[in-house]
Amino acid sequence: MNLLAMLMASLALSIILITLSFWLPQLYPDTEKLSPYECGFDPLGDARLPFSIRFFLVAILFLLFDLEIALLLPLPWATNLSNPSETMTLAATILILLTLGLIYEWTQGGLEWAE
């Protein structure tokens, strides 16, 4: 009975929130919201300019180090396993490889914005 009540309450709350989301937004947006630039300024140049390859390099590095955090997140729980030294060795290997890669990119000048 308790599970059925929770399911019915969550279903009712979901239906109420979905219904409100259709009624509450402004249906007639003004001209600023309809413009491609919502900041209010007129565009000064072409919007199709290519990005620098350095922008993509920094984005890839950010994703790489973000994924590194996701790989190391279960590390505190993994130290309670029967062989925590193996876990710590693998985690240290990942960190050392990423640090060496970052140092290599830094020394090659791949992280410099201005030339």
PDB file of N, CA and C in Angstrom:
ATOM      1  N   MET A   1       0.827  -1.198   0.000  1.00  0.00           N
ATOM      2  CA  MET A   1       0.000   0.000   0.000  1.00  0.00           C
ATOM      3  C   MET A   1       0.870   1.259   0.000  1.00  0.00           C
ATOM      4  N   ASN A   2       1.957   1.216   0.732  1.00  0.00           N
ATOM      5  CA  ASN A   2       2.822   2.381   0.822  1.00  0.00           C
ATOM      6  C   ASN A   2       3.499   2.661  -0.527  1.00  0.00           C
ATOM      7  N   LEU A   3       3.920   1.615  -1.227  1.00  0.00           N
ATOM      8  CA  LEU A   3       4.525   1.793  -2.538  1.00  0.00           C
ATOM      9  C   LEU A   3       3.517   2.357  -3.535  1.00  0.00           C
ATOM     10  N   LEU A   4       2.298   1.886  -3.480  1.00  0.00           N
ATOM     11  CA  LEU A   4       1.250   2.388  -4.379  1.00  0.00           C
ATOM     12  C   LEU A   4       0.968   3.861  -4.099  1.00  0.00           C
ATOM     13  N   ALA A   5       0.959   4.245  -2.831  1.00  0.00           N
ATOM     14  CA  ALA A   5       0.720   5.653  -2.490  1.00  0.00           C
ATOM     15  C   ALA A   5       1.853   6.536  -3.001  1.00  0.00           C
ATOM     16  N   MET A   6       3.094   6.062  -2.887  1.00  0.00           N
ATOM     17  CA  MET A   6       4.238   6.837  -3.385  1.00  0.00           C
ATOM     18  C   MET A   6       4.191   6.975  -4.914  1.00  0.00           C
ATOM     19  N   LEU A   7       3.830   5.905  -5.600  1.00  0.00           N
ATOM     20  CA  LEU A   7       3.717   5.968  -7.055  1.00  0.00           C
ATOM     21  C   LEU A   7       2.609   6.925  -7.490  1.00  0.00           C
ATOM     22  N   MET A   8       1.488   6.876  -6.804  1.00  0.00           N
ATOM     23  CA  MET A   8       0.382   7.776  -7.148  1.00  0.00           C
ATOM     24  C   MET A   8       0.755   9.233  -6.853  1.00  0.00           C
ATOM     25  N   ALA A   9       1.445   9.474  -5.738  1.00  0.00           N
ATOM     26  CA  ALA A   9       1.853  10.844  -5.403  1.00  0.00           C
ATOM     27  C   ALA A   9       2.865  11.373  -6.427  1.00  0.00           C
ATOM     28  N   SER A  10       3.814  10.546  -6.825  1.00  0.00           N
ATOM     29  CA  SER A  10       4.800  11.002  -7.805  1.00  0.00           C
ATOM     30  C   SER A  10       4.161  11.215  -9.176  1.00  0.00           C
ATOM     31  N   LEU A  11       3.203  10.372  -9.536  1.00  0.00           N
ATOM     32  CA  LEU A  11       2.501  10.547 -10.800  1.00  0.00           C
ATOM     33  C   LEU A  11       1.673  11.828 -10.786  1.00  0.00           C
ATOM     34  N   ALA A  12       0.984  12.083  -9.679  1.00  0.00           N
ATOM     35  CA  ALA A  12       0.176  13.305  -9.575  1.00  0.00           C
ATOM     36  C   ALA A  12       1.062  14.548  -9.618  1.00  0.00           C
ATOM     37  N   LEU A  13       2.187  14.511  -8.893  1.00  0.00           N
ATOM     38  CA  LEU A  13       3.098  15.648  -8.897  1.00  0.00           C
ATOM     39  C   LEU A  13       3.689  15.883 -10.292  1.00  0.00           C
ATOM     40  N   SER A  14       4.017  14.815 -10.987  1.00  0.00           N
ATOM     41  CA  SER A  14       4.558  14.941 -12.344  1.00  0.00           C
ATOM     42  C   SER A  14       3.538  15.556 -13.289  1.00  0.00           C
ATOM     43  N   ILE A  15       2.303  15.116 -13.205  1.00  0.00           N
ATOM     44  CA  ILE A  15       1.249  15.663 -14.079  1.00  0.00           C
ATOM     45  C   ILE A  15       1.010  17.134 -13.769  1.00  0.00           C
ATOM     46  N   ILE A  16       1.012  17.503 -12.500  1.00  0.00           N
ATOM     47  CA  ILE A  16       0.813  18.909 -12.122  1.00  0.00           C
ATOM     48  C   ILE A  16       1.954  19.770 -12.652  1.00  0.00           C
ATOM     49  N   LEU A  17       3.187  19.322 -12.502  1.00  0.00           N
ATOM     50  CA  LEU A  17       4.336  20.107 -12.968  1.00  0.00           C
ATOM     51  C   LEU A  17       4.374  20.223 -14.489  1.00  0.00           C
ATOM     52  N   ILE A  18       4.027  19.163 -15.189  1.00  0.00           N
ATOM     53  CA  ILE A  18       3.994  19.229 -16.661  1.00  0.00           C
ATOM     54  C   ILE A  18       2.909  20.186 -17.123  1.00  0.00           C
ATOM     55  N   THR A  19       1.751  20.143 -16.476  1.00  0.00           N
ATOM     56  CA  THR A  19       0.660  21.041 -16.833  1.00  0.00           C
ATOM     57  C   THR A  19       1.042  22.492 -16.567  1.00  0.00           C
ATOM     58  N   LEU A  20       1.676  22.756 -15.430  1.00  0.00           N
ATOM     59  CA  LEU A  20       2.102  24.123 -15.122  1.00  0.00           C
ATOM     60  C   LEU A  20       3.166  24.624 -16.092  1.00  0.00           C
ATOM     61  N   SER A  21       4.020  23.743 -16.549  1.00  0.00           N
ATOM     62  CA  SER A  21       5.073  24.182 -17.464  1.00  0.00           C
ATOM     63  C   SER A  21       4.499  24.603 -18.815  1.00  0.00           C
ATOM     64  N   PHE A  22       3.337  24.122 -19.180  1.00  0.00           N
ATOM     65  CA  PHE A  22       2.709  24.564 -20.423  1.00  0.00           C
ATOM     66  C   PHE A  22       1.915  25.852 -20.241  1.00  0.00           C
ATOM     67  N   TRP A  23       1.433  26.127 -19.043  1.00  0.00           N
ATOM     68  CA  TRP A  23       0.620  27.314 -18.805  1.00  0.00           C
ATOM     69  C   TRP A  23       1.444  28.533 -18.410  1.00  0.00           C
ATOM     70  N   LEU A  24       2.548  28.335 -17.718  1.00  0.00           N
ATOM     71  CA  LEU A  24       3.275  29.462 -17.159  1.00  0.00           C
ATOM     72  C   LEU A  24       4.159  30.249 -18.128  1.00  0.00           C
ATOM     73  N   PRO A  25       4.747  29.659 -19.147  1.00  0.00           N
ATOM     74  CA  PRO A  25       5.663  30.471 -19.963  1.00  0.00           C
ATOM     75  C   PRO A  25       4.920  31.529 -20.765  1.00  0.00           C
ATOM     76  N   GLN A  26       5.658  32.576 -21.089  1.00  0.00           N
ATOM     77  CA  GLN A  26       5.100  33.660 -21.881  1.00  0.00           C
ATOM     78  C   GLN A  26       4.904  33.168 -23.318  1.00  0.00           C
ATOM     79  N   LEU A  27       3.691  33.247 -23.817  1.00  0.00           N
ATOM     80  CA  LEU A  27       3.391  32.713 -25.140  1.00  0.00           C
ATOM     81  C   LEU A  27       3.718  33.683 -26.261  1.00  0.00           C
ATOM     82  N   TYR A  28       3.853  34.966 -25.952  1.00  0.00           N
ATOM     83  CA  TYR A  28       4.128  35.968 -26.971  1.00  0.00           C
ATOM     84  C   TYR A  28       5.454  36.655 -26.642  1.00  0.00           C
ATOM     85  N   PRO A  29       6.564  36.091 -27.074  1.00  0.00           N
ATOM     86  CA  PRO A  29       7.851  36.694 -26.751  1.00  0.00           C
ATOM     87  C   PRO A  29       8.038  38.016 -27.497  1.00  0.00           C
ATOM     88  N   ASP A  30       8.824  38.905 -26.893  1.00  0.00           N
ATOM     89  CA  ASP A  30       9.074  40.197 -27.516  1.00  0.00           C
ATOM     90  C   ASP A  30      10.130  40.066 -28.618  1.00  0.00           C
ATOM     91  N   THR A  31      10.437  41.167 -29.267  1.00  0.00           N
ATOM     92  CA  THR A  31      11.349  41.120 -30.411  1.00  0.00           C
ATOM     93  C   THR A  31      12.772  40.780 -29.991  1.00  0.00           C
ATOM     94  N   GLU A  32      13.162  41.147 -28.765  1.00  0.00           N
ATOM     95  CA  GLU A  32      14.516  40.820 -28.310  1.00  0.00           C
ATOM     96  C   GLU A  32      14.696  39.316 -28.152  1.00  0.00           C
ATOM     97  N   LYS A  33      13.673  38.634 -27.688  1.00  0.00           N
ATOM     98  CA  LYS A  33      13.764  37.187 -27.541  1.00  0.00           C
ATOM     99  C   LYS A  33      13.743  36.482 -28.891  1.00  0.00           C
ATOM    100  N   LEU A  34      13.136  37.089 -29.877  1.00  0.00           N
ATOM    101  CA  LEU A  34      13.083  36.485 -31.205  1.00  0.00           C
ATOM    102  C   LEU A  34      14.344  36.742 -32.018  1.00  0.00           C
ATOM    103  N   SER A  35      15.181  37.689 -31.577  1.00  0.00           N
ATOM    104  CA  SER A  35      16.414  37.965 -32.311  1.00  0.00           C
ATOM    105  C   SER A  35      17.436  36.870 -32.031  1.00  0.00           C
ATOM    106  N   PRO A  36      18.369  36.641 -32.952  1.00  0.00           N
ATOM    107  CA  PRO A  36      19.358  35.585 -32.725  1.00  0.00           C
ATOM    108  C   PRO A  36      20.310  35.900 -31.578  1.00  0.00           C
ATOM    109  N   TYR A  37      20.478  37.173 -31.253  1.00  0.00           N
ATOM    110  CA  TYR A  37      21.342  37.568 -30.143  1.00  0.00           C
ATOM    111  C   TYR A  37      20.469  38.179 -29.055  1.00  0.00           C
ATOM    112  N   GLU A  38      20.300  37.483 -27.953  1.00  0.00           N
ATOM    113  CA  GLU A  38      19.403  37.942 -26.907  1.00  0.00           C
ATOM    114  C   GLU A  38      19.997  39.042 -26.046  1.00  0.00           C
ATOM    115  N   CYS A  39      21.270  39.372 -26.250  1.00  0.00           N
ATOM    116  CA  CYS A  39      21.896  40.376 -25.399  1.00  0.00           C
ATOM    117  C   CYS A  39      21.428  41.785 -25.749  1.00  0.00           C
ATOM    118  N   GLY A  40      20.823  41.991 -26.897  1.00  0.00           N
ATOM    119  CA  GLY A  40      20.327  43.306 -27.267  1.00  0.00           C
ATOM    120  C   GLY A  40      21.231  44.053 -28.221  1.00  0.00           C
ATOM    121  N   PHE A  41      22.458  43.566 -28.431  1.00  0.00           N
ATOM    122  CA  PHE A  41      23.384  44.223 -29.332  1.00  0.00           C
ATOM    123  C   PHE A  41      23.219  43.668 -30.743  1.00  0.00           C
ATOM    124  N   ASP A  42      23.394  44.529 -31.719  1.00  0.00           N
ATOM    125  CA  ASP A  42      23.377  44.075 -33.100  1.00  0.00           C
ATOM    126  C   ASP A  42      24.701  43.373 -33.394  1.00  0.00           C
ATOM    127  N   PRO A  43      24.664  42.308 -34.170  1.00  0.00           N
ATOM    128  CA  PRO A  43      25.921  41.623 -34.491  1.00  0.00           C
ATOM    129  C   PRO A  43      26.817  42.514 -35.349  1.00  0.00           C
ATOM    130  N   LEU A  44      28.119  42.502 -35.052  1.00  0.00           N
ATOM    131  CA  LEU A  44      29.060  43.371 -35.761  1.00  0.00           C
ATOM    132  C   LEU A  44      29.781  42.669 -36.894  1.00  0.00           C
ATOM    133  N   GLY A  45      29.868  41.361 -36.833  1.00  0.00           N
ATOM    134  CA  GLY A  45      30.602  40.635 -37.858  1.00  0.00           C
ATOM    135  C   GLY A  45      29.847  39.391 -38.272  1.00  0.00           C
ATOM    136  N   ASP A  46      30.559  38.543 -38.991  1.00  0.00           N
ATOM    137  CA  ASP A  46      29.972  37.299 -39.450  1.00  0.00           C
ATOM    138  C   ASP A  46      29.911  36.307 -38.297  1.00  0.00           C
ATOM    139  N   ALA A  47      28.798  35.631 -38.150  1.00  0.00           N
ATOM    140  CA  ALA A  47      28.640  34.652 -37.071  1.00  0.00           C
ATOM    141  C   ALA A  47      29.246  33.304 -37.436  1.00  0.00           C
ATOM    142  N   ARG A  48      29.729  33.150 -38.638  1.00  0.00           N
ATOM    143  CA  ARG A  48      30.254  31.870 -39.105  1.00  0.00           C
ATOM    144  C   ARG A  48      31.777  31.828 -39.134  1.00  0.00           C
ATOM    145  N   LEU A  49      32.433  32.631 -38.291  1.00  0.00           N
ATOM    146  CA  LEU A  49      33.889  32.607 -38.257  1.00  0.00           C
ATOM    147  C   LEU A  49      34.366  31.292 -37.648  1.00  0.00           C
ATOM    148  N   PRO A  50      35.402  30.702 -38.201  1.00  0.00           N
ATOM    149  CA  PRO A  50      35.893  29.428 -37.652  1.00  0.00           C
ATOM    150  C   PRO A  50      36.592  29.651 -36.307  1.00  0.00           C
ATOM    151  N   PHE A  51      36.479  28.660 -35.432  1.00  0.00           N
ATOM    152  CA  PHE A  51      37.169  28.714 -34.151  1.00  0.00           C
ATOM    153  C   PHE A  51      38.627  28.339 -34.349  1.00  0.00           C
ATOM    154  N   SER A  52      39.449  28.843 -33.466  1.00  0.00           N
ATOM    155  CA  SER A  52      40.853  28.465 -33.480  1.00  0.00           C
ATOM    156  C   SER A  52      40.988  27.027 -33.004  1.00  0.00           C
ATOM    157  N   ILE A  53      41.986  26.340 -33.515  1.00  0.00           N
ATOM    158  CA  ILE A  53      42.224  24.961 -33.118  1.00  0.00           C
ATOM    159  C   ILE A  53      42.639  24.910 -31.650  1.00  0.00           C
ATOM    160  N   ARG A  54      43.184  25.984 -31.126  1.00  0.00           N
ATOM    161  CA  ARG A  54      43.571  26.034 -29.710  1.00  0.00           C
ATOM    162  C   ARG A  54      42.349  25.948 -28.796  1.00  0.00           C
ATOM    163  N   PHE A  55      41.235  26.499 -29.244  1.00  0.00           N
ATOM    164  CA  PHE A  55      40.007  26.391 -28.465  1.00  0.00           C
ATOM    165  C   PHE A  55      39.614  24.928 -28.304  1.00  0.00           C
ATOM    166  N   PHE A  56      39.702  24.169 -29.380  1.00  0.00           N
ATOM    167  CA  PHE A  56      39.348  22.765 -29.314  1.00  0.00           C
ATOM    168  C   PHE A  56      40.341  21.973 -28.471  1.00  0.00           C
ATOM    169  N   LEU A  57      41.621  22.355 -28.508  1.00  0.00           N
ATOM    170  CA  LEU A  57      42.627  21.682 -27.691  1.00  0.00           C
ATOM    171  C   LEU A  57      42.337  21.876 -26.207  1.00  0.00           C
ATOM    172  N   VAL A  58      42.011  23.093 -25.823  1.00  0.00           N
ATOM    173  CA  VAL A  58      41.695  23.349 -24.415  1.00  0.00           C
ATOM    174  C   VAL A  58      40.411  22.627 -24.024  1.00  0.00           C
ATOM    175  N   ALA A  59      39.438  22.574 -24.914  1.00  0.00           N
ATOM    176  CA  ALA A  59      38.198  21.856 -24.619  1.00  0.00           C
ATOM    177  C   ALA A  59      38.456  20.360 -24.429  1.00  0.00           C
ATOM    178  N   ILE A  60      39.310  19.787 -25.270  1.00  0.00           N
ATOM    179  CA  ILE A  60      39.632  18.362 -25.138  1.00  0.00           C
ATOM    180  C   ILE A  60      40.394  18.102 -23.850  1.00  0.00           C
ATOM    181  N   LEU A  61      41.311  19.004 -23.501  1.00  0.00           N
ATOM    182  CA  LEU A  61      42.043  18.843 -22.240  1.00  0.00           C
ATOM    183  C   LEU A  61      41.100  18.933 -21.044  1.00  0.00           C
ATOM    184  N   PHE A  62      40.138  19.843 -21.115  1.00  0.00           N
ATOM    185  CA  PHE A  62      39.163  19.936 -20.029  1.00  0.00           C
ATOM    186  C   PHE A  62      38.379  18.638 -19.901  1.00  0.00           C
ATOM    187  N   LEU A  63      37.919  18.102 -21.019  1.00  0.00           N
ATOM    188  CA  LEU A  63      37.177  16.839 -20.974  1.00  0.00           C
ATOM    189  C   LEU A  63      38.038  15.700 -20.453  1.00  0.00           C
ATOM    190  N   LEU A  64      39.295  15.680 -20.842  1.00  0.00           N
ATOM    191  CA  LEU A  64      40.195  14.631 -20.389  1.00  0.00           C
ATOM    192  C   LEU A  64      40.374  14.666 -18.877  1.00  0.00           C
ATOM    193  N   PHE A  65      40.602  15.854 -18.320  1.00  0.00           N
ATOM    194  CA  PHE A  65      40.795  15.946 -16.883  1.00  0.00           C
ATOM    195  C   PHE A  65      39.477  15.803 -16.130  1.00  0.00           C
ATOM    196  N   ASP A  66      38.383  16.126 -16.765  1.00  0.00           N
ATOM    197  CA  ASP A  66      37.081  15.885 -16.151  1.00  0.00           C
ATOM    198  C   ASP A  66      36.810  14.391 -16.055  1.00  0.00           C
ATOM    199  N   LEU A  67      37.153  13.655 -17.099  1.00  0.00           N
ATOM    200  CA  LEU A  67      36.997  12.203 -17.061  1.00  0.00           C
ATOM    201  C   LEU A  67      37.963  11.559 -16.070  1.00  0.00           C
ATOM    202  N   GLU A  68      39.114  12.176 -15.887  1.00  0.00           N
ATOM    203  CA  GLU A  68      40.067  11.657 -14.908  1.00  0.00           C
ATOM    204  C   GLU A  68      39.462  11.709 -13.506  1.00  0.00           C
ATOM    205  N   ILE A  69      38.757  12.763 -13.206  1.00  0.00           N
ATOM    206  CA  ILE A  69      38.101  12.866 -11.899  1.00  0.00           C
ATOM    207  C   ILE A  69      37.043  11.778 -11.761  1.00  0.00           C
ATOM    208  N   ALA A  70      36.332  11.506 -12.840  1.00  0.00           N
ATOM    209  CA  ALA A  70      35.321  10.444 -12.784  1.00  0.00           C
ATOM    210  C   ALA A  70      35.964   9.074 -12.582  1.00  0.00           C
ATOM    211  N   LEU A  71      37.160   8.876 -13.134  1.00  0.00           N
ATOM    212  CA  LEU A  71      37.850   7.605 -12.927  1.00  0.00           C
ATOM    213  C   LEU A  71      38.374   7.460 -11.504  1.00  0.00           C
ATOM    214  N   LEU A  72      38.768   8.565 -10.904  1.00  0.00           N
ATOM    215  CA  LEU A  72      39.337   8.507  -9.557  1.00  0.00           C
ATOM    216  C   LEU A  72      38.296   8.646  -8.454  1.00  0.00           C
ATOM    217  N   LEU A  73      37.051   8.902  -8.816  1.00  0.00           N
ATOM    218  CA  LEU A  73      36.007   9.080  -7.808  1.00  0.00           C
ATOM    219  C   LEU A  73      35.804   7.856  -6.915  1.00  0.00           C
ATOM    220  N   PRO A  74      35.802   6.630  -7.439  1.00  0.00           N
ATOM    221  CA  PRO A  74      35.611   5.483  -6.546  1.00  0.00           C
ATOM    222  C   PRO A  74      36.866   5.075  -5.777  1.00  0.00           C
ATOM    223  N   LEU A  75      37.930   5.835  -5.856  1.00  0.00           N
ATOM    224  CA  LEU A  75      39.178   5.466  -5.202  1.00  0.00           C
ATOM    225  C   LEU A  75      39.064   5.323  -3.684  1.00  0.00           C
ATOM    226  N   PRO A  76      38.386   6.207  -2.951  1.00  0.00           N
ATOM    227  CA  PRO A  76      38.295   6.007  -1.496  1.00  0.00           C
ATOM    228  C   PRO A  76      37.599   4.704  -1.115  1.00  0.00           C
ATOM    229  N   TRP A  77      36.615   4.300  -1.891  1.00  0.00           N
ATOM    230  CA  TRP A  77      35.934   3.039  -1.581  1.00  0.00           C
ATOM    231  C   TRP A  77      36.781   1.840  -2.006  1.00  0.00           C
ATOM    232  N   ALA A  78      37.582   2.016  -3.038  1.00  0.00           N
ATOM    233  CA  ALA A  78      38.405   0.914  -3.524  1.00  0.00           C
ATOM    234  C   ALA A  78      39.558   0.606  -2.584  1.00  0.00           C
ATOM    235  N   THR A  79      39.923   1.545  -1.718  1.00  0.00           N
ATOM    236  CA  THR A  79      41.006   1.273  -0.768  1.00  0.00           C
ATOM    237  C   THR A  79      40.582   0.280   0.298  1.00  0.00           C
ATOM    238  N   ASN A  80      39.308   0.014   0.427  1.00  0.00           N
ATOM    239  CA  ASN A  80      38.827  -0.969   1.397  1.00  0.00           C
ATOM    240  C   ASN A  80      38.805  -2.380   0.831  1.00  0.00           C
ATOM    241  N   LEU A  81      39.268  -2.571  -0.390  1.00  0.00           N
ATOM    242  CA  LEU A  81      39.303  -3.893  -0.991  1.00  0.00           C
ATOM    243  C   LEU A  81      40.418  -4.732  -0.367  1.00  0.00           C
ATOM    244  N   SER A  82      40.476  -5.978  -0.786  1.00  0.00           N
ATOM    245  CA  SER A  82      41.470  -6.877  -0.204  1.00  0.00           C
ATOM    246  C   SER A  82      42.894  -6.499  -0.612  1.00  0.00           C
ATOM    247  N   ASN A  83      43.065  -5.873  -1.782  1.00  0.00           N
ATOM    248  CA  ASN A  83      44.396  -5.507  -2.246  1.00  0.00           C
ATOM    249  C   ASN A  83      44.410  -4.020  -2.613  1.00  0.00           C
ATOM    250  N   PRO A  84      44.487  -3.120  -1.627  1.00  0.00           N
ATOM    251  CA  PRO A  84      44.424  -1.687  -1.945  1.00  0.00           C
ATOM    252  C   PRO A  84      45.694  -1.164  -2.610  1.00  0.00           C
ATOM    253  N   SER A  85      46.803  -1.864  -2.489  1.00  0.00           N
ATOM    254  CA  SER A  85      48.034  -1.365  -3.118  1.00  0.00           C
ATOM    255  C   SER A  85      47.930  -1.415  -4.638  1.00  0.00           C
ATOM    256  N   GLU A  86      47.247  -2.412  -5.172  1.00  0.00           N
ATOM    257  CA  GLU A  86      47.051  -2.479  -6.625  1.00  0.00           C
ATOM    258  C   GLU A  86      46.183  -1.322  -7.107  1.00  0.00           C
ATOM    259  N   THR A  87      45.150  -1.011  -6.337  1.00  0.00           N
ATOM    260  CA  THR A  87      44.275   0.106  -6.696  1.00  0.00           C
ATOM    261  C   THR A  87      45.042   1.420  -6.660  1.00  0.00           C
ATOM    262  N   MET A  88      45.832   1.623  -5.635  1.00  0.00           N
ATOM    263  CA  MET A  88      46.608   2.859  -5.526  1.00  0.00           C
ATOM    264  C   MET A  88      47.658   2.954  -6.640  1.00  0.00           C
ATOM    265  N   THR A  89      48.233   1.821  -7.035  1.00  0.00           N
ATOM    266  CA  THR A  89      49.215   1.814  -8.120  1.00  0.00           C
ATOM    267  C   THR A  89      48.556   2.205  -9.446  1.00  0.00           C
ATOM    268  N   LEU A  90      47.379   1.664  -9.720  1.00  0.00           N
ATOM    269  CA  LEU A  90      46.675   2.011 -10.954  1.00  0.00           C
ATOM    270  C   LEU A  90      46.255   3.484 -10.965  1.00  0.00           C
ATOM    271  N   ALA A  91      45.780   3.979  -9.828  1.00  0.00           N
ATOM    272  CA  ALA A  91      45.379   5.380  -9.745  1.00  0.00           C
ATOM    273  C   ALA A  91      46.598   6.297  -9.926  1.00  0.00           C
ATOM    274  N   ALA A  92      47.722   5.928  -9.313  1.00  0.00           N
ATOM    275  CA  ALA A  92      48.937   6.730  -9.459  1.00  0.00           C
ATOM    276  C   ALA A  92      49.432   6.697 -10.906  1.00  0.00           C
ATOM    277  N   THR A  93      49.286   5.565 -11.577  1.00  0.00           N
ATOM    278  CA  THR A  93      49.688   5.458 -12.975  1.00  0.00           C
ATOM    279  C   THR A  93      48.861   6.390 -13.856  1.00  0.00           C
ATOM    280  N   ILE A  94      47.566   6.416 -13.612  1.00  0.00           N
ATOM    281  CA  ILE A  94      46.697   7.323 -14.378  1.00  0.00           C
ATOM    282  C   ILE A  94      47.107   8.771 -14.154  1.00  0.00           C
ATOM    283  N   LEU A  95      47.326   9.146 -12.905  1.00  0.00           N
ATOM    284  CA  LEU A  95      47.701  10.529 -12.606  1.00  0.00           C
ATOM    285  C   LEU A  95      49.056  10.892 -13.195  1.00  0.00           C
ATOM    286  N   ILE A  96      50.010   9.976 -13.136  1.00  0.00           N
ATOM    287  CA  ILE A  96      51.341  10.254 -13.691  1.00  0.00           C
ATOM    288  C   ILE A  96      51.268  10.413 -15.210  1.00  0.00           C
ATOM    289  N   LEU A  97      50.520   9.547 -15.889  1.00  0.00           N
ATOM    290  CA  LEU A  97      50.392   9.668 -17.347  1.00  0.00           C
ATOM    291  C   LEU A  97      49.728  10.981 -17.753  1.00  0.00           C
ATOM    292  N   LEU A  98      48.681  11.370 -17.047  1.00  0.00           N
ATOM    293  CA  LEU A  98      48.011  12.627 -17.374  1.00  0.00           C
ATOM    294  C   LEU A  98      48.894  13.826 -17.065  1.00  0.00           C
ATOM    295  N   THR A  99      49.649  13.756 -15.986  1.00  0.00           N
ATOM    296  CA  THR A  99      50.547  14.859 -15.643  1.00  0.00           C
ATOM    297  C   THR A  99      51.669  14.982 -16.667  1.00  0.00           C
ATOM    298  N   LEU A 100      52.226  13.853 -17.097  1.00  0.00           N
ATOM    299  CA  LEU A 100      53.264  13.905 -18.132  1.00  0.00           C
ATOM    300  C   LEU A 100      52.711  14.448 -19.449  1.00  0.00           C
ATOM    301  N   GLY A 101      51.495  14.066 -19.808  1.00  0.00           N
ATOM    302  CA  GLY A 101      50.875  14.610 -21.012  1.00  0.00           C
ATOM    303  C   GLY A 101      50.645  16.103 -20.927  1.00  0.00           C
ATOM    304  N   LEU A 102      50.221  16.581 -19.754  1.00  0.00           N
ATOM    305  CA  LEU A 102      50.012  18.014 -19.568  1.00  0.00           C
ATOM    306  C   LEU A 102      51.330  18.769 -19.636  1.00  0.00           C
ATOM    307  N   ILE A 103      52.374  18.227 -19.031  1.00  0.00           N
ATOM    308  CA  ILE A 103      53.689  18.874 -19.086  1.00  0.00           C
ATOM    309  C   ILE A 103      54.199  18.926 -20.525  1.00  0.00           C
ATOM    310  N   TYR A 104      53.984  17.848 -21.276  1.00  0.00           N
ATOM    311  CA  TYR A 104      54.402  17.830 -22.677  1.00  0.00           C
ATOM    312  C   TYR A 104      53.676  18.905 -23.490  1.00  0.00           C
ATOM    313  N   GLU A 105      52.362  19.005 -23.319  1.00  0.00           N
ATOM    314  CA  GLU A 105      51.600  20.035 -24.036  1.00  0.00           C
ATOM    315  C   GLU A 105      52.060  21.428 -23.637  1.00  0.00           C
ATOM    316  N   TRP A 106      52.345  21.610 -22.368  1.00  0.00           N
ATOM    317  CA  TRP A 106      52.768  22.912 -21.875  1.00  0.00           C
ATOM    318  C   TRP A 106      54.127  23.297 -22.468  1.00  0.00           C
ATOM    319  N   THR A 107      55.077  22.346 -22.495  1.00  0.00           N
ATOM    320  CA  THR A 107      56.400  22.665 -23.025  1.00  0.00           C
ATOM    321  C   THR A 107      56.383  22.856 -24.540  1.00  0.00           C
ATOM    322  N   GLN A 108      55.462  22.205 -25.231  1.00  0.00           N
ATOM    323  CA  GLN A 108      55.364  22.380 -26.683  1.00  0.00           C
ATOM    324  C   GLN A 108      54.637  23.667 -27.062  1.00  0.00           C
ATOM    325  N   GLY A 109      54.050  24.362 -26.089  1.00  0.00           N
ATOM    326  CA  GLY A 109      53.350  25.618 -26.359  1.00  0.00           C
ATOM    327  C   GLY A 109      51.936  25.423 -26.833  1.00  0.00           C
ATOM    328  N   GLY A 110      51.373  24.264 -26.608  1.00  0.00           N
ATOM    329  CA  GLY A 110      50.007  24.004 -27.060  1.00  0.00           C
ATOM    330  C   GLY A 110      48.938  24.697 -26.241  1.00  0.00           C
ATOM    331  N   LEU A 111      49.300  25.184 -25.079  1.00  0.00           N
ATOM    332  CA  LEU A 111      48.317  25.847 -24.217  1.00  0.00           C
ATOM    333  C   LEU A 111      48.412  27.373 -24.294  1.00  0.00           C
ATOM    334  N   GLU A 112      49.267  27.897 -25.154  1.00  0.00           N
ATOM    335  CA  GLU A 112      49.424  29.344 -25.285  1.00  0.00           C
ATOM    336  C   GLU A 112      48.350  29.894 -26.210  1.00  0.00           C
ATOM    337  N   TRP A 113      47.638  30.917 -25.749  1.00  0.00           N
ATOM    338  CA  TRP A 113      46.604  31.527 -26.585  1.00  0.00           C
ATOM    339  C   TRP A 113      47.206  32.499 -27.580  1.00  0.00           C
ATOM    340  N   ALA A 114      48.127  33.336 -27.110  1.00  0.00           N
ATOM    341  CA  ALA A 114      48.738  34.337 -27.996  1.00  0.00           C
ATOM    342  C   ALA A 114      50.046  33.784 -28.541  1.00  0.00           C
ATOM    343  N   GLU A 115      50.345  34.190 -29.748  1.00  0.00           N
ATOM    344  CA  GLU A 115      51.575  33.692 -30.375  1.00  0.00           C
ATOM    345  C   GLU A 115      52.636  34.743 -30.366  1.00  0.00           C
TER     346      GLU A 115
END
